[in-house]
């Protein structure tokens, strides 16, 4: 019984780590997950790793075909758009609730995360930028004080994190920067719930639109050279 409980605890820890990695874009669409290598890194046997991966397969965050290693799904533009439409009302509600409950220290935390995001962009560190952007948004959503809502939003980000990361670094056109993060912080500070909800959805739709445009475009020939970044897409 103790061995079973320990294995379950290990599996949950590995699952939580993989979940965060997928949400923040540490993996890209099509990436394979090597169970034995992950077990070595986690200093455990393959069994709890396999259990964690099967949970992610059931959630749609990974796919597994007979005879193949589990891999990160490659989302079609149509499926990505459907996920966006489900995200919008949930993230609006979370931002509105956060505005109602926003403690004084929330703005300070968000300003630090936004600065981290800006600095990562300047340095061309796209993984750090997407990670900071994710933490910025979930700091807001957790301030809603509704863990059921936060978990639902997490499940949707889990499905889109890899494609956001890959398109963020690959998009050849970069739209002008906006001050939406700053406007969101201001609305939260003023407890302007509807405004905060509108701005969060606007921020999400702006980034997603750029990614969708790129996903639908014909694949250009690879010519080498530096690649510019797109909006993080939230």
Protein backbone atom coordinates (compact mmCIF):
# COMPACT_ATOMS: atom_id res chain seq x y z
CA UNK A 1 0.00 0.00 0.00
CA UNK A 2 2.76 2.55 0.82
CA UNK A 3 4.46 1.73 -2.54
CA UNK A 4 1.20 2.36 -4.37
CA UNK A 5 0.70 5.70 -2.60
CA UNK A 6 4.30 6.75 -3.34
CA UNK A 7 3.92 5.84 -7.02
CA UNK A 8 0.66 7.78 -7.19
CA UNK A 9 2.37 10.82 -5.66
CA UNK A 10 5.23 10.56 -8.16
CA UNK A 11 2.78 10.24 -11.04
CA UNK A 12 0.90 13.34 -9.88
CA UNK A 13 4.14 15.34 -9.61
CA UNK A 14 5.24 14.30 -13.10
CA UNK A 15 1.78 15.05 -14.47
CA UNK A 16 1.81 18.53 -12.89
CA UNK A 17 5.27 19.24 -14.33
CA UNK A 18 4.30 18.11 -17.83
CA UNK A 19 1.08 20.09 -17.63
CA UNK A 20 2.95 23.30 -16.82
CA UNK A 21 5.52 22.58 -19.55
CA UNK A 22 2.81 22.09 -22.17
CA UNK A 23 0.85 25.19 -21.11
CA UNK A 24 3.93 27.42 -21.18
CA UNK A 25 5.15 26.16 -24.55
CA UNK A 26 8.18 24.12 -23.50
CA UNK A 27 7.08 21.56 -26.10
CA UNK A 28 6.15 22.23 -29.71
CA UNK A 29 3.52 20.51 -31.91
CA UNK A 30 4.78 17.12 -33.07
CA UNK A 31 7.37 16.75 -30.28
CA UNK A 32 7.74 13.18 -29.01
CA UNK A 33 7.78 12.37 -25.31
CA UNK A 34 10.40 9.74 -24.48
CA UNK A 35 9.06 7.89 -21.44
CA UNK A 36 12.37 6.28 -20.46
CA UNK A 37 14.31 9.54 -20.78
CA UNK A 38 11.69 11.37 -18.71
CA UNK A 39 11.85 8.60 -16.10
CA UNK A 40 15.64 9.02 -15.87
CA UNK A 41 15.30 12.79 -15.51
CA UNK A 42 12.64 12.28 -12.81
CA UNK A 43 14.77 9.60 -11.12
CA UNK A 44 11.91 7.14 -11.13
CA UNK A 45 10.69 4.09 -13.03
CA UNK A 46 8.77 4.41 -16.31
CA UNK A 47 5.48 3.40 -14.62
CA UNK A 48 4.54 6.72 -12.93
CA UNK A 49 5.69 8.58 -16.06
CA UNK A 50 3.44 6.40 -18.20
CA UNK A 51 0.50 7.01 -15.82
CA UNK A 52 1.04 10.78 -16.04
CA UNK A 53 1.23 10.66 -19.82
CA UNK A 54 -1.94 8.57 -20.10
CA UNK A 55 -3.79 11.19 -18.05
CA UNK A 56 -2.63 13.87 -20.51
CA UNK A 57 -3.68 11.65 -23.42
CA UNK A 58 -7.18 11.39 -21.92
CA UNK A 59 -7.28 15.21 -21.66
CA UNK A 60 -6.26 15.62 -25.31
CA UNK A 61 -2.95 17.34 -24.47
CA UNK A 62 -0.97 14.39 -25.88
CA UNK A 63 -1.79 11.75 -28.44
CA UNK A 64 -0.70 8.13 -28.48
CA UNK A 65 -0.84 5.73 -31.43
CA UNK A 66 0.00 2.02 -31.17
CA UNK A 67 3.70 1.40 -31.72
CA UNK A 68 4.68 5.08 -31.37
CA UNK A 69 5.91 7.32 -28.59
CA UNK A 70 3.35 9.80 -27.22
CA UNK A 71 3.53 13.14 -29.00
CA UNK A 72 2.20 16.67 -28.79
CA UNK A 73 -0.77 17.01 -31.20
CA UNK A 74 -0.56 19.24 -34.26
CA UNK A 75 -3.63 21.48 -34.08
CA UNK A 76 -5.51 22.45 -37.22
CA UNK A 77 -6.54 26.12 -37.58
CA UNK A 78 -10.18 25.04 -37.21
CA UNK A 79 -9.60 23.29 -33.89
CA UNK A 80 -7.48 26.16 -32.61
CA UNK A 81 -10.28 28.59 -33.46
CA UNK A 82 -12.83 26.43 -31.63
CA UNK A 83 -10.64 26.42 -28.52
CA UNK A 84 -10.39 30.22 -28.75
CA UNK A 85 -14.19 30.57 -28.80
CA UNK A 86 -14.51 28.48 -25.64
CA UNK A 87 -11.70 30.39 -23.92
CA UNK A 88 -13.16 33.86 -24.49
CA UNK A 89 -16.18 33.75 -22.12
CA UNK A 90 -14.27 31.84 -19.44
CA UNK A 91 -11.34 34.26 -19.41
CA UNK A 92 -13.70 37.23 -19.49
CA UNK A 93 -15.51 35.90 -16.41
CA UNK A 94 -12.23 35.21 -14.58
CA UNK A 95 -11.00 38.77 -15.25
CA UNK A 96 -14.31 40.27 -14.13
CA UNK A 97 -14.23 38.30 -10.86
CA UNK A 98 -10.57 39.23 -10.35
CA UNK A 99 -11.45 42.91 -10.73
CA UNK A 100 -14.09 42.56 -8.02
CA UNK A 101 -11.67 40.87 -5.60
CA UNK A 102 -8.34 42.44 -6.68
CA UNK A 103 -6.08 42.95 -3.64
CA UNK A 104 -3.63 45.90 -3.67
CA UNK A 105 -0.62 43.63 -4.24
CA UNK A 106 -2.09 42.18 -7.49
CA UNK A 107 -1.03 45.20 -9.59
CA UNK A 108 2.54 45.01 -8.31
CA UNK A 109 2.81 41.32 -9.18
CA UNK A 110 1.37 41.90 -12.66
CA UNK A 111 3.72 44.82 -13.35
CA UNK A 112 6.71 42.62 -12.50
CA UNK A 113 5.48 39.85 -14.82
CA UNK A 114 4.79 42.28 -17.65
CA UNK A 115 8.31 43.68 -17.30
CA UNK A 116 9.69 40.14 -17.45
CA UNK A 117 7.66 39.58 -20.62
CA UNK A 118 8.95 42.79 -22.26
CA UNK A 119 12.58 42.03 -21.38
CA UNK A 120 12.31 38.46 -22.71
CA UNK A 121 10.92 39.78 -26.00
CA UNK A 122 13.77 42.29 -26.32
CA UNK A 123 16.27 39.47 -25.74
CA UNK A 124 14.54 37.23 -28.30
CA UNK A 125 13.92 34.62 -25.59
CA UNK A 126 10.52 33.44 -26.85
CA UNK A 127 10.11 30.62 -24.34
CA UNK A 128 10.70 33.01 -21.45
CA UNK A 129 8.29 35.49 -23.05
CA UNK A 130 5.48 32.94 -23.41
CA UNK A 131 6.10 31.70 -19.87
CA UNK A 132 5.89 35.26 -18.47
CA UNK A 133 2.75 35.95 -20.52
CA UNK A 134 1.12 32.78 -19.22
CA UNK A 135 1.96 33.64 -15.61
CA UNK A 136 0.64 37.20 -16.13
CA UNK A 137 -2.75 35.89 -17.24
CA UNK A 138 -3.05 33.15 -14.63
CA UNK A 139 -2.13 35.55 -11.84
CA UNK A 140 -5.27 37.42 -12.90
CA UNK A 141 -7.39 34.28 -13.22
CA UNK A 142 -6.32 32.94 -9.82
CA UNK A 143 -7.38 36.28 -8.31
CA UNK A 144 -10.95 35.36 -9.35
CA UNK A 145 -10.99 33.04 -6.29
CA UNK A 146 -12.77 30.41 -8.39
CA UNK A 147 -10.56 27.33 -8.65
CA UNK A 148 -13.07 25.48 -10.87
CA UNK A 149 -12.94 28.30 -13.41
CA UNK A 150 -9.13 28.47 -13.28
CA UNK A 151 -8.85 24.72 -13.84
CA UNK A 152 -11.15 24.93 -16.89
CA UNK A 153 -9.04 27.71 -18.41
CA UNK A 154 -5.85 25.77 -17.66
CA UNK A 155 -7.21 22.78 -19.57
CA UNK A 156 -7.71 24.93 -22.68
CA UNK A 157 -4.26 26.55 -22.43
CA UNK A 158 -2.88 23.03 -22.08
CA UNK A 159 -4.14 22.29 -25.60
CA UNK A 160 -2.78 25.48 -27.20
CA UNK A 161 0.52 26.13 -25.37
CA UNK A 162 2.71 24.21 -27.85
CA UNK A 163 1.25 25.86 -30.97
CA UNK A 164 1.51 29.32 -29.36
CA UNK A 165 5.21 28.75 -28.67
CA UNK A 166 6.00 27.46 -32.17
CA UNK A 167 4.11 30.23 -33.97
CA UNK A 168 5.40 32.94 -31.66
CA UNK A 169 8.97 32.32 -32.78
CA UNK A 170 8.15 31.40 -36.40
CA UNK A 171 5.80 34.16 -37.57
CA UNK A 172 7.46 36.37 -40.16
CA UNK A 173 5.28 39.42 -39.44
CA UNK A 174 5.03 41.18 -36.14
CA UNK A 175 2.09 43.49 -35.43
CA UNK A 176 2.67 46.77 -33.59
CA UNK A 177 2.95 46.40 -29.81
CA UNK A 178 0.05 47.59 -27.75
CA UNK A 179 -0.27 48.61 -24.11
CA UNK A 180 -3.02 46.10 -23.38
CA UNK A 181 -1.29 44.54 -20.37
CA UNK A 182 -0.97 47.98 -18.80
CA UNK A 183 -4.61 48.76 -19.54
CA UNK A 184 -5.68 45.46 -17.97
CA UNK A 185 -3.71 46.25 -14.80
CA UNK A 186 -5.28 49.71 -14.63
CA UNK A 187 -8.82 48.30 -15.01
CA UNK A 188 -8.16 45.75 -12.26
CA UNK A 189 -6.85 48.47 -9.93
CA UNK A 190 -10.02 50.49 -10.50
CA UNK A 191 -12.18 47.37 -9.95
CA UNK A 192 -13.69 48.01 -13.42
CA UNK A 193 -14.92 44.45 -13.98
CA UNK A 194 -16.50 44.78 -17.43
CA UNK A 195 -13.55 46.77 -18.77
CA UNK A 196 -11.06 44.24 -17.42
CA UNK A 197 -13.02 41.40 -19.04
CA UNK A 198 -13.20 43.21 -22.39
CA UNK A 199 -9.46 43.96 -22.38
CA UNK A 200 -8.44 40.39 -21.50
CA UNK A 201 -10.55 39.04 -24.38
CA UNK A 202 -9.16 41.71 -26.72
CA UNK A 203 -5.61 40.73 -25.74
CA UNK A 204 -6.37 37.05 -26.32
CA UNK A 205 -8.12 37.59 -29.68
CA UNK A 206 -5.36 39.86 -30.97
CA UNK A 207 -2.67 37.26 -30.40
CA UNK A 208 -4.78 34.35 -31.60
CA UNK A 209 -5.70 36.18 -34.83
CA UNK A 210 -2.04 36.52 -35.77
CA UNK A 211 -1.38 32.84 -35.09
CA UNK A 212 -4.46 31.74 -37.04
CA UNK A 213 -3.41 33.84 -40.02
CA UNK A 214 -0.02 32.17 -40.03
CA UNK A 215 -1.44 28.66 -39.57
CA UNK A 216 -3.71 29.18 -42.58
CA UNK A 217 -1.02 30.66 -44.83
CA UNK A 218 0.81 28.50 -47.40
CA UNK A 219 4.08 27.19 -46.01
CA UNK A 220 6.98 29.37 -47.26
CA UNK A 221 10.23 27.76 -48.37
CA UNK A 222 12.90 27.69 -45.68
CA UNK A 223 15.56 30.28 -46.50
CA UNK A 224 17.53 30.47 -43.28
CA UNK A 225 18.32 33.69 -41.52
CA UNK A 226 16.72 35.12 -38.41
CA UNK A 227 13.02 34.69 -37.77
CA UNK A 228 10.93 37.44 -36.27
CA UNK A 229 8.33 36.86 -33.55
CA UNK A 230 4.58 37.19 -33.46
CA UNK A 231 2.29 38.10 -30.62
CA UNK A 232 2.34 35.47 -27.86
CA UNK A 233 -1.35 34.77 -28.38
CA UNK A 234 -1.99 34.29 -24.67
